[in-house]
Amino acid sequence: MSVTQQYLLDTYRAAQQGGPTPPAPGRNDWQAVREVREYGRFRAVMEERPAHGRLRAALARLARGGRLSGGSVARSPRPLP
């Protein structure tokens, strides 16, 4: 059953039972994306990691020829300033 068919069936059932109609498919997609992004930021703060700039930093590492994940490659720690 496709999403559209399920939506039409749910709308029909709501009309028969006198209940509210469900939201159309795709109507709240951007809201869900925002909530997932905010949850990721929340988890980063709770784990004491930077909440902003993680994607940009990962892309910069990738552009420099690095890897996106830490992997099993041992890296020497940077000296403290």
Foldseek 3Di string as FASTA:
>chain_A
DDLVVVLVVQQVVCVVVVHDRDDRPPPCVVVVVVVVLVVQLVVCVVVVHHSPDLVVVLVVCVVVVHHSDPPPDDDDDDDDD
